[in-house]
Amino acid sequence: MKVAATDIEPTKRFTNRVANYAAYRPKYPAAVVEFLRAELGLNASSVVADVGAGTGIWTEALLQGGCRTVYAVEPNDAMRAAAESSLNRYPDFKSVNGAAEATTLADASVDFVTAAQAFHWFDAAGAREEFARILKPDGWVVLLWNMRRVDTTPFLRELERILRAYGTDYERVAADNPGRELMEEFFPRGYGTRSFAHEQILDYEALRGRWLSASYVPLAGHPDHEPMFDALRRAFDAHQRDGAVRIEYEAVVYYGQLL
């Protein structure tokens, strides 16, 4: 019988997965930042609040893109500490102990609010009110997800089967991913969307770490942990080429204005 993880508070779900999250989660393609610069006016004077910043994967992309200041707003102490450890070398990085519904940032203080792989954990109504408060007039909200493709190759279809068989609450988390109805409610003035294909090439240890970074993958001691990783190893061995497998993603971006 599966043991669900739905009773874990969203801000605490990744506390014991931080190292794998920082090391093995996919980054975002450079084309996303290029799109924000070309179409939404992101530039060297932009102040950005990256909300639900986690270990700082997307935060670093913004810093490398040359933004003036990036506030990494993260309520989880362990994830925030990981971001600080890796990003304090950037003078424009500011770590903030805050949440989507209460960022602690000043009114009308940022040009962009972003949330990468995080919005589905927020209270949408509370986040919308808070984002509207901290945004400058004509500021933008940008919501991003790395959506793993599940059926374009035999290997990806097998990964999906394994997750549905052994994931603690995989189906519920997958169902929380963005849909048109939620985006229309969150962006009543309308929104745009873009997508960018990219991939990870992983050996088995990296694949294992990527798996363990997900909140719905059972950890050691859970009755489904060993069966899941036995199945993952078999899938890797069956589909690897030159010691590696490919996971395909679509980086999906939703963007709009609240004010």
Protein backbone atom coordinates (compact mmCIF):
# COMPACT_ATOMS: atom_id res chain seq x y z
CA MET A 1 0.00 0.00 0.00
CA LYS A 2 1.33 3.42 -0.90
CA VAL A 3 2.17 5.89 1.85
CA ALA A 4 1.19 9.33 0.60
CA ALA A 5 3.26 12.45 1.18
CA THR A 6 0.31 14.82 0.96
CA ASP A 7 0.48 15.57 4.68
CA ILE A 8 3.90 17.19 4.26
CA GLU A 9 3.71 20.97 4.29
CA PRO A 10 4.74 22.26 0.83
CA THR A 11 7.51 24.47 2.22
CA LYS A 12 9.08 21.43 3.93
CA ARG A 13 8.73 18.78 1.23
CA PHE A 14 12.27 19.24 -0.10
CA THR A 15 14.20 19.67 3.15
CA ASN A 16 15.81 16.21 2.95
CA ARG A 17 16.35 16.39 -0.83
CA VAL A 18 18.39 19.59 -1.09
CA ALA A 19 21.74 18.13 -2.20
CA ASN A 20 20.17 16.07 -4.99
CA TYR A 21 17.94 18.98 -5.99
CA ALA A 22 20.88 21.35 -6.36
CA ALA A 23 23.04 18.81 -8.18
CA TYR A 24 20.64 17.05 -10.52
CA ARG A 25 17.55 19.12 -11.27
CA PRO A 26 17.57 20.41 -14.85
CA LYS A 27 18.55 24.00 -15.48
CA TYR A 28 16.56 26.26 -17.80
CA PRO A 29 17.62 26.87 -21.39
CA ALA A 30 19.36 30.17 -22.10
CA ALA A 31 16.60 30.90 -24.60
CA VAL A 32 14.21 31.65 -21.72
CA VAL A 33 16.29 34.59 -20.48
CA GLU A 34 16.83 35.71 -24.07
CA PHE A 35 13.05 35.73 -24.56
CA LEU A 36 12.51 37.80 -21.40
CA ARG A 37 15.09 40.30 -22.58
CA ALA A 38 13.75 40.55 -26.12
CA GLU A 39 10.02 40.51 -25.43
CA LEU A 40 9.42 41.68 -21.85
CA GLY A 41 12.20 44.19 -21.36
CA LEU A 42 14.41 42.38 -18.85
CA ASN A 43 17.67 44.32 -18.71
CA ALA A 44 20.62 45.39 -16.59
CA SER A 45 18.46 47.75 -14.54
CA SER A 46 15.76 45.17 -13.74
CA VAL A 47 14.99 44.21 -10.15
CA VAL A 48 13.57 40.69 -9.92
CA ALA A 49 11.91 38.74 -7.11
CA ASP A 50 12.44 35.03 -7.76
CA VAL A 51 9.79 33.53 -5.47
CA GLY A 52 10.09 29.96 -4.30
CA ALA A 53 13.70 30.17 -5.43
CA GLY A 54 14.71 26.86 -3.85
CA THR A 55 18.40 26.14 -4.32
CA GLY A 56 18.70 28.98 -6.83
CA ILE A 57 18.73 27.20 -10.19
CA TRP A 58 16.62 29.84 -11.96
CA THR A 59 18.00 32.62 -9.74
CA GLU A 60 21.46 31.96 -11.12
CA ALA A 61 20.17 32.15 -14.70
CA LEU A 62 18.76 35.61 -13.91
CA LEU A 63 22.01 36.72 -12.30
CA GLN A 64 24.00 35.48 -15.27
CA GLY A 65 21.55 37.41 -17.45
CA GLY A 66 22.79 40.62 -15.89
CA CYS A 67 19.83 41.77 -13.79
CA ARG A 68 20.56 44.60 -11.36
CA THR A 69 19.21 42.83 -8.29
CA VAL A 70 17.66 39.39 -7.82
CA TYR A 71 15.83 38.69 -4.56
CA ALA A 72 15.70 34.93 -4.00
CA VAL A 73 12.61 34.50 -1.82
CA GLU A 74 12.51 31.05 -0.21
CA PRO A 75 10.79 29.82 2.99
CA ASN A 76 12.67 26.53 3.34
CA ASP A 77 15.79 27.08 5.46
CA ALA A 78 17.79 24.21 3.95
CA MET A 79 17.08 25.20 0.36
CA ARG A 80 17.74 28.87 1.06
CA ALA A 81 21.07 27.98 2.67
CA ALA A 82 22.04 25.97 -0.42
CA ALA A 83 21.25 28.95 -2.65
CA GLU A 84 23.28 31.26 -0.44
CA SER A 85 26.24 28.88 -0.50
CA SER A 86 26.35 28.75 -4.29
CA LEU A 87 25.21 32.29 -5.19
CA ASN A 88 26.71 34.64 -2.61
CA ARG A 89 29.57 35.22 -5.06
CA TYR A 90 27.16 37.30 -7.16
CA PRO A 91 27.01 40.86 -5.81
CA ASP A 92 23.45 41.28 -7.12
CA PHE A 93 22.08 38.25 -5.23
CA LYS A 94 19.87 38.93 -2.20
CA SER A 95 18.57 36.03 -0.12
CA VAL A 96 15.16 36.58 1.50
CA ASN A 97 13.41 34.43 4.09
CA GLY A 98 9.88 34.81 2.79
CA ALA A 99 7.03 33.06 1.02
CA ALA A 100 4.92 33.66 -2.07
CA GLU A 101 2.07 34.99 0.04
CA ALA A 102 4.35 37.11 2.26
CA THR A 103 7.64 37.98 0.54
CA THR A 104 8.63 40.76 3.03
CA LEU A 105 9.63 42.94 0.05
CA ALA A 106 8.57 46.57 -0.18
CA ASP A 107 5.56 47.84 -2.11
CA ALA A 108 6.19 48.51 -5.82
CA SER A 109 9.83 47.46 -5.49
CA VAL A 110 10.40 44.96 -8.33
CA ASP A 111 10.10 44.94 -12.12
CA PHE A 112 9.57 41.18 -12.40
CA VAL A 113 8.23 38.44 -10.19
CA THR A 114 9.28 34.97 -11.31
CA ALA A 115 8.50 31.51 -9.98
CA ALA A 116 10.30 28.51 -11.45
CA GLN A 117 8.98 25.02 -10.69
CA ALA A 118 7.23 26.50 -7.66
CA PHE A 119 3.88 28.13 -8.41
CA HIS A 120 1.91 24.89 -7.97
CA TRP A 121 2.94 24.92 -4.29
CA PHE A 122 1.58 28.46 -3.71
CA ASP A 123 -1.80 29.63 -2.55
CA ALA A 124 -2.68 31.21 -5.89
CA ALA A 125 -4.99 33.92 -4.56
CA GLY A 126 -2.58 34.93 -1.81
CA ALA A 127 0.37 34.92 -4.20
CA ARG A 128 -1.47 37.04 -6.74
CA GLU A 129 -2.27 39.68 -4.11
CA GLU A 130 1.33 39.72 -2.89
CA PHE A 131 2.81 39.85 -6.38
CA ALA A 132 0.56 42.78 -7.26
CA ARG A 133 1.72 44.57 -4.11
CA ILE A 134 5.47 44.26 -4.75
CA LEU A 135 5.38 44.85 -8.52
CA LYS A 136 6.04 48.25 -10.01
CA PRO A 137 3.40 49.56 -12.43
CA ASP A 138 3.57 47.58 -15.70
CA GLY A 139 5.75 44.93 -14.04
CA TRP A 140 5.61 41.33 -15.23
CA VAL A 141 4.90 37.99 -13.59
CA VAL A 142 6.75 35.06 -15.20
CA LEU A 143 5.89 31.49 -14.19
CA LEU A 144 8.13 28.65 -15.43
CA TRP A 145 8.08 24.89 -15.35
CA ASN A 146 10.44 22.28 -16.68
CA MET A 147 7.87 19.77 -17.93
CA ARG A 148 9.35 16.31 -18.35
CA ARG A 149 8.12 14.62 -21.49
CA VAL A 150 6.53 11.30 -20.63
CA ASP A 151 5.81 9.49 -23.89
CA THR A 152 8.17 10.54 -26.67
CA THR A 153 10.60 7.61 -26.21
CA PRO A 154 10.35 4.07 -24.81
CA PHE A 155 12.61 5.07 -21.92
CA LEU A 156 10.44 8.03 -20.95
CA ARG A 157 7.32 5.87 -21.11
CA GLU A 158 8.98 3.38 -18.75
CA LEU A 159 9.95 6.18 -16.34
CA GLU A 160 6.34 7.31 -16.24
CA ARG A 161 5.15 3.78 -15.54
CA ILE A 162 7.60 3.47 -12.65
CA LEU A 163 6.52 6.75 -11.11
CA ARG A 164 2.85 5.86 -11.30
CA ALA A 165 3.55 2.46 -9.73
CA TYR A 166 5.77 3.61 -6.86
CA GLY A 167 5.51 7.39 -6.43
CA THR A 168 4.04 8.42 -3.08
CA ASP A 169 1.67 11.06 -4.43
CA TYR A 170 2.94 11.49 -7.97
CA GLU A 171 -0.46 11.62 -9.64
CA ARG A 172 -1.71 14.35 -7.33
CA VAL A 173 1.42 16.47 -7.81
CA ALA A 174 1.27 15.97 -11.58
CA ALA A 175 -2.36 17.08 -11.53
CA ASP A 176 -1.31 20.33 -9.81
CA ASN A 177 0.73 21.43 -12.81
CA PRO A 178 -0.61 24.52 -14.55
CA GLY A 179 -3.65 24.49 -16.74
CA ARG A 180 -5.51 27.03 -18.81
CA GLU A 181 -8.21 27.59 -16.20
CA LEU A 182 -5.74 28.42 -13.43
CA MET A 183 -3.71 30.73 -15.67
CA GLU A 184 -6.83 32.59 -16.79
CA GLU A 185 -7.85 33.08 -13.17
CA PHE A 186 -4.39 34.21 -12.10
CA PHE A 187 -3.91 36.54 -15.09
CA PRO A 188 -7.34 38.18 -15.57
CA ARG A 189 -5.82 40.72 -17.99
CA GLY A 190 -4.62 37.88 -20.20
CA TYR A 191 -1.35 36.02 -20.49
CA GLY A 192 1.09 34.68 -23.03
CA THR A 193 2.95 31.41 -23.15
CA ARG A 194 6.13 30.14 -24.79
CA SER A 195 7.96 26.83 -24.66
CA PHE A 196 11.56 25.79 -25.21
CA ALA A 197 12.77 22.22 -25.72
CA HIS A 198 15.87 20.97 -23.94
CA GLU A 199 17.24 17.79 -22.35
CA GLN A 200 19.46 16.16 -19.73
CA ILE A 201 21.99 13.44 -20.55
CA LEU A 202 22.49 11.38 -17.37
CA ASP A 203 24.56 8.42 -16.26
CA TYR A 204 22.94 6.14 -13.69
CA GLU A 205 24.17 8.00 -10.60
CA ALA A 206 22.89 11.28 -11.99
CA LEU A 207 19.58 9.68 -12.94
CA ARG A 208 19.27 8.30 -9.43
CA GLY A 209 20.02 11.71 -7.95
CA ARG A 210 17.53 13.36 -10.31
CA TRP A 211 14.90 10.87 -9.14
CA LEU A 212 15.66 11.45 -5.45
CA SER A 213 15.25 15.22 -5.90
CA ALA A 214 11.51 14.75 -6.53
CA SER A 215 9.20 15.08 -3.53
CA TYR A 216 7.06 12.11 -4.60
CA VAL A 217 9.93 9.60 -4.86
CA PRO A 218 10.16 7.39 -1.74
CA LEU A 219 13.35 7.73 0.27
CA ALA A 220 15.34 4.96 1.93
CA GLY A 221 13.26 3.21 4.58
CA HIS A 222 10.01 3.57 2.65
CA PRO A 223 8.62 0.18 1.52
CA ASP A 224 8.56 1.30 -2.13
CA HIS A 225 12.09 2.75 -2.19
CA GLU A 226 14.01 -0.39 -3.13
CA PRO A 227 11.38 -1.69 -5.63
CA MET A 228 11.35 1.70 -7.37
CA PHE A 229 15.11 1.89 -7.69
CA ASP A 230 15.39 -1.72 -8.80
CA ALA A 231 12.95 -0.84 -11.58
CA LEU A 232 14.85 2.36 -12.38
CA ARG A 233 18.12 0.44 -12.68
CA ARG A 234 16.54 -2.08 -15.03
CA ALA A 235 15.08 0.71 -17.16
CA PHE A 236 18.46 2.43 -17.34
CA ASP A 237 20.28 -0.76 -18.31
CA ALA A 238 17.73 -1.52 -21.00
CA HIS A 239 17.79 1.92 -22.61
CA GLN A 240 21.24 3.41 -21.97
CA ARG A 241 23.53 4.24 -24.84
CA ASP A 242 27.22 4.69 -24.08
CA GLY A 243 26.43 4.69 -20.37
CA ALA A 244 23.80 7.42 -20.39
CA VAL A 245 20.12 8.08 -20.99
CA ARG A 246 18.29 11.17 -22.20
CA ILE A 247 15.41 12.93 -20.41
CA GLU A 248 13.55 15.38 -22.60
CA TYR A 249 11.92 18.53 -21.24
CA GLU A 250 9.84 21.42 -22.39
CA ALA A 251 10.51 24.61 -20.45
CA VAL A 252 7.06 26.22 -20.39
CA VAL A 253 6.75 29.94 -19.62
CA TYR A 254 3.53 31.78 -18.70
CA TYR A 255 3.75 35.56 -18.48
CA GLY A 256 1.40 38.44 -17.86
CA GLN A 257 0.74 41.65 -15.94
CA LEU A 258 -1.39 42.09 -12.84
CA LEU A 259 -1.53 45.91 -12.63
